[in-house]
Amino acid sequence: MPFIDITGQKFHHLTVIEEVLPRCKPAKWLCKCECGNTKQIIGASLKNGSTKSCGCLHIKRNKELFTKHGNYKSPLYAVFVAMHQRCNNKKHKSYPLYGARGITVCNQWQDFVAFRDWSMASGYKENTSIDRIDNDKGYSPENCRWVDRVTQSRNRNALKNKTSQFIGVHWDSNRSKWFSSISVNGKYISLGRYDNEIQAAKIRDQYIKDNNLKNFKLNFD
């Protein structure tokens, strides 16, 4: 692709001053933001709109949120900010385990008020932590819950060691899924493989209830 000089062009809040390290790949440009700051930005990010400012827009958005909801000093708001930082800030220490793996925050939770309302209706307390049910999926109402720190610690250990915390659930390393099973009167019964261990555990519980099996402990009472 032929080189295209974009010096002097404006992309959202950024004006291109000059190319950095001429003809390097990917092309990088020194830009001046409307706020007065300068920043080196990859050309593709300018053209596709993924970078619109030096970072001042994000700061401005946070200030607007402070004014809007008045909860910026609350523990819940700290959780909200940390969640976004893990997923969006490449300099955050936890970004490799979240944003770099494709873990995102859903559109609904770009707004703190929506996140706050869901949390208050979903069992949030100051001694709880937000937990993703499926660790390969992002933050959303469908994939999150509030749990005590002991439960979250167990979940993290299960992910790390591929050892389930639930009865009758095991990790199938060949298919990378959670396997649910039960033994009844000496007969082994396979209940299928699932993307997350909670679903596998609930399937086992439902089998016990549907078949009115006695003396079998449920994962969820």
Protein backbone atom coordinates (compact mmCIF):
# COMPACT_ATOMS: atom_id res chain seq x y z
CA MET A 1 0.00 0.00 0.00
CA PRO A 2 1.49 3.39 -0.98
CA PHE A 3 2.46 5.81 1.78
CA ILE A 4 -0.18 8.46 2.50
CA ASP A 5 0.94 11.63 4.24
CA ILE A 6 -1.72 12.75 6.73
CA THR A 7 0.26 15.67 8.19
CA GLY A 8 -2.09 18.53 9.01
CA GLN A 9 -5.22 16.41 8.92
CA LYS A 10 -7.62 16.40 11.84
CA PHE A 11 -9.15 13.27 13.32
CA HIS A 12 -11.79 14.04 15.95
CA HIS A 13 -9.88 16.03 18.63
CA LEU A 14 -6.42 15.29 17.18
CA THR A 15 -4.43 17.19 14.58
CA VAL A 16 -1.48 15.42 12.97
CA ILE A 17 1.81 17.33 13.34
CA GLU A 18 4.35 14.97 11.79
CA GLU A 19 5.27 11.35 11.21
CA VAL A 20 7.36 9.63 13.88
CA LEU A 21 10.24 7.48 12.58
CA PRO A 22 9.44 7.96 8.88
CA ARG A 23 8.20 4.91 6.96
CA CYS A 24 8.15 2.64 9.99
CA LYS A 25 5.40 0.04 10.27
CA PRO A 26 2.88 0.52 11.62
CA ALA A 27 2.99 4.23 10.81
CA LYS A 28 2.99 6.38 13.93
CA TRP A 29 2.17 10.10 14.05
CA LEU A 30 2.77 12.89 16.53
CA CYS A 31 -0.58 14.55 17.16
CA LYS A 32 -1.77 17.60 19.05
CA CYS A 33 -5.01 17.30 20.99
CA GLU A 34 -7.51 20.13 21.32
CA CYS A 35 -6.67 20.23 25.04
CA GLY A 36 -3.08 21.16 24.17
CA ASN A 37 -1.34 17.85 24.89
CA THR A 38 0.67 15.97 22.28
CA LYS A 39 0.76 12.21 21.84
CA GLN A 40 2.20 9.63 19.44
CA ILE A 41 -0.59 7.58 17.85
CA ILE A 42 -0.68 4.76 15.31
CA GLY A 43 -2.19 5.92 12.02
CA ALA A 44 -4.72 3.12 11.84
CA SER A 45 -6.14 4.15 15.22
CA LEU A 46 -6.63 7.68 13.95
CA LYS A 47 -8.35 6.57 10.76
CA ASN A 48 -10.69 4.01 12.31
CA GLY A 49 -11.66 6.32 15.17
CA SER A 50 -10.52 4.07 18.00
CA THR A 51 -8.36 6.94 19.31
CA LYS A 52 -10.12 10.29 19.39
CA SER A 53 -8.07 12.28 21.89
CA CYS A 54 -4.93 12.16 24.01
CA GLY A 55 -7.02 10.60 26.77
CA CYS A 56 -8.70 13.75 27.97
CA LEU A 57 -12.12 12.59 26.72
CA HIS A 58 -12.00 9.66 29.15
CA ILE A 59 -11.15 12.01 32.02
CA LYS A 60 -13.96 14.34 30.98
CA ARG A 61 -16.42 11.45 30.86
CA ASN A 62 -15.46 10.39 34.38
CA LYS A 63 -16.01 13.93 35.66
CA GLU A 64 -19.45 13.96 34.06
CA LEU A 65 -20.25 10.67 35.78
CA PHE A 66 -19.17 12.15 39.10
CA THR A 67 -21.65 14.98 38.65
CA LYS A 68 -24.42 12.73 37.38
CA HIS A 69 -24.66 10.07 40.04
CA GLY A 70 -22.84 11.51 43.07
CA ASN A 71 -21.41 8.11 44.04
CA TYR A 72 -17.82 8.59 42.95
CA LYS A 73 -16.50 8.08 46.51
CA SER A 74 -18.49 4.89 47.10
CA PRO A 75 -16.94 1.38 47.18
CA LEU A 76 -19.29 0.34 44.37
CA TYR A 77 -18.00 3.08 42.10
CA ALA A 78 -14.45 1.90 42.84
CA VAL A 79 -15.51 -1.57 41.64
CA PHE A 80 -17.00 -0.02 38.49
CA VAL A 81 -13.79 1.89 37.68
CA ALA A 82 -11.55 -1.13 38.39
CA MET A 83 -13.69 -3.30 36.11
CA HIS A 84 -13.25 -0.85 33.23
CA GLN A 85 -9.56 -0.41 33.93
CA ARG A 86 -8.88 -4.16 33.78
CA CYS A 87 -10.64 -4.39 30.44
CA ASN A 88 -9.60 -1.15 28.73
CA ASN A 89 -6.39 0.24 30.19
CA LYS A 90 -3.40 -1.52 28.59
CA LYS A 91 -1.15 -0.15 31.35
CA HIS A 92 -3.22 -1.72 34.13
CA LYS A 93 -1.44 -4.61 35.85
CA SER A 94 -4.43 -6.93 35.30
CA TYR A 95 -5.01 -6.02 31.64
CA PRO A 96 -3.17 -9.16 30.34
CA LEU A 97 -5.70 -11.34 32.21
CA TYR A 98 -8.73 -9.35 31.07
CA GLY A 99 -8.65 -6.91 28.14
CA ALA A 100 -5.85 -8.77 26.36
CA ARG A 101 -7.95 -11.97 26.56
CA GLY A 102 -10.95 -10.24 24.99
CA ILE A 103 -12.81 -9.68 28.26
CA THR A 104 -15.02 -6.60 27.81
CA VAL A 105 -17.66 -4.60 29.67
CA CYS A 106 -21.10 -4.69 28.04
CA ASN A 107 -22.61 -1.55 26.52
CA GLN A 108 -25.21 -1.31 29.29
CA TRP A 109 -22.50 -1.01 31.94
CA GLN A 110 -20.69 1.84 30.26
CA ASP A 111 -23.07 3.87 32.42
CA PHE A 112 -22.46 3.65 36.17
CA VAL A 113 -26.10 4.26 37.08
CA ALA A 114 -27.16 1.14 35.14
CA PHE A 115 -24.40 -0.87 36.84
CA ARG A 116 -25.39 0.49 40.25
CA ASP A 117 -29.07 -0.33 39.77
CA TRP A 118 -28.27 -3.90 38.66
CA SER A 119 -25.91 -4.36 41.60
CA MET A 120 -28.40 -3.18 44.21
CA ALA A 121 -31.02 -5.53 42.78
CA SER A 122 -28.58 -8.46 42.61
CA GLY A 123 -27.36 -8.79 46.19
CA TYR A 124 -24.51 -6.28 46.29
CA LYS A 125 -23.00 -5.66 49.73
CA GLU A 126 -19.70 -4.03 50.65
CA ASN A 127 -18.22 -7.40 51.65
CA THR A 128 -18.97 -8.98 48.26
CA SER A 129 -17.07 -9.08 44.97
CA ILE A 130 -18.29 -9.11 41.39
CA ASP A 131 -17.74 -12.53 39.84
CA ARG A 132 -18.02 -13.66 36.21
CA ILE A 133 -19.86 -16.98 35.99
CA ASP A 134 -18.03 -17.91 32.78
CA ASN A 135 -14.44 -16.67 33.02
CA ASP A 136 -14.09 -16.65 29.23
CA LYS A 137 -16.91 -14.13 28.83
CA GLY A 138 -17.11 -10.47 29.72
CA TYR A 139 -18.88 -8.35 32.29
CA SER A 140 -22.65 -8.26 31.75
CA PRO A 141 -25.82 -8.82 33.80
CA GLU A 142 -26.16 -12.30 32.30
CA ASN A 143 -22.63 -13.39 33.23
CA CYS A 144 -22.08 -11.72 36.59
CA ARG A 145 -23.11 -12.13 40.20
CA TRP A 146 -22.11 -10.77 43.59
CA VAL A 147 -20.38 -13.34 45.80
CA ASP A 148 -18.45 -13.35 49.05
CA ARG A 149 -14.67 -13.34 48.74
CA VAL A 150 -14.34 -16.98 49.80
CA THR A 151 -16.57 -18.13 46.91
CA GLN A 152 -14.70 -15.96 44.42
CA SER A 153 -11.37 -17.35 45.65
CA ARG A 154 -12.67 -20.88 45.09
CA ASN A 155 -13.80 -19.95 41.59
CA ARG A 156 -10.37 -18.57 40.72
CA ASN A 157 -8.67 -21.69 42.03
CA ALA A 158 -11.04 -23.85 40.01
CA LEU A 159 -10.14 -21.93 36.85
CA LYS A 160 -6.41 -22.14 37.62
CA ASN A 161 -6.35 -25.82 38.55
CA LYS A 162 -9.28 -26.96 36.40
CA THR A 163 -10.73 -28.59 39.51
CA SER A 164 -14.40 -27.95 40.16
CA GLN A 165 -15.79 -26.87 43.51
CA PHE A 166 -19.05 -28.71 42.73
CA ILE A 167 -20.07 -32.34 43.34
CA GLY A 168 -20.17 -34.46 40.20
CA VAL A 169 -18.44 -31.90 37.98
CA HIS A 170 -15.02 -32.42 36.39
CA TRP A 171 -12.88 -30.72 33.77
CA ASP A 172 -12.64 -32.50 30.42
CA SER A 173 -9.23 -31.39 29.15
CA ASN A 174 -9.72 -33.09 25.78
CA ARG A 175 -12.79 -31.02 24.93
CA SER A 176 -12.10 -28.02 27.20
CA LYS A 177 -15.50 -28.27 28.86
CA TRP A 178 -16.97 -29.04 32.27
CA PHE A 179 -18.30 -32.60 32.50
CA SER A 180 -21.33 -33.47 34.66
CA SER A 181 -22.04 -37.00 35.87
CA ILE A 182 -23.65 -39.06 38.63
CA SER A 183 -23.57 -42.66 39.87
CA VAL A 184 -26.92 -44.24 40.81
CA ASN A 185 -27.03 -47.75 42.29
CA GLY A 186 -23.55 -48.42 40.94
CA LYS A 187 -24.48 -47.22 37.44
CA TYR A 188 -22.44 -44.34 36.01
CA ILE A 189 -24.56 -41.75 34.17
CA SER A 190 -23.12 -39.05 31.94
CA LEU A 191 -25.06 -35.77 32.03
CA GLY A 192 -23.14 -33.95 29.30
CA ARG A 193 -20.44 -31.32 28.84
CA TYR A 194 -20.93 -27.61 29.36
CA ASP A 195 -19.09 -24.33 28.86
CA ASN A 196 -19.12 -23.40 32.55
CA GLU A 197 -19.08 -25.43 35.74
CA ILE A 198 -22.11 -23.79 37.33
CA GLN A 199 -24.30 -24.91 34.43
CA ALA A 200 -22.86 -28.44 34.76
CA ALA A 201 -23.57 -28.45 38.50
CA LYS A 202 -27.16 -27.27 38.00
CA ILE A 203 -27.77 -30.02 35.43
CA ARG A 204 -26.72 -32.62 38.01
CA ASP A 205 -28.96 -31.07 40.66
CA GLN A 206 -31.90 -31.06 38.26
CA TYR A 207 -31.34 -34.73 37.42
CA ILE A 208 -31.50 -35.59 41.14
CA LYS A 209 -34.75 -33.63 41.55
CA ASP A 210 -36.39 -34.98 38.37
CA ASN A 211 -35.67 -38.55 39.39
CA ASN A 212 -36.51 -38.01 43.06
CA LEU A 213 -33.18 -39.47 44.14
CA LYS A 214 -32.74 -39.74 47.88
CA ASN A 215 -29.54 -39.22 49.89
CA PHE A 216 -27.84 -37.26 47.12
CA LYS A 217 -26.38 -33.92 48.13
CA LEU A 218 -27.29 -30.96 45.91
CA ASN A 219 -24.80 -28.32 44.86
CA PHE A 220 -27.45 -25.62 45.21
CA ASP A 221 -30.06 -25.96 47.97
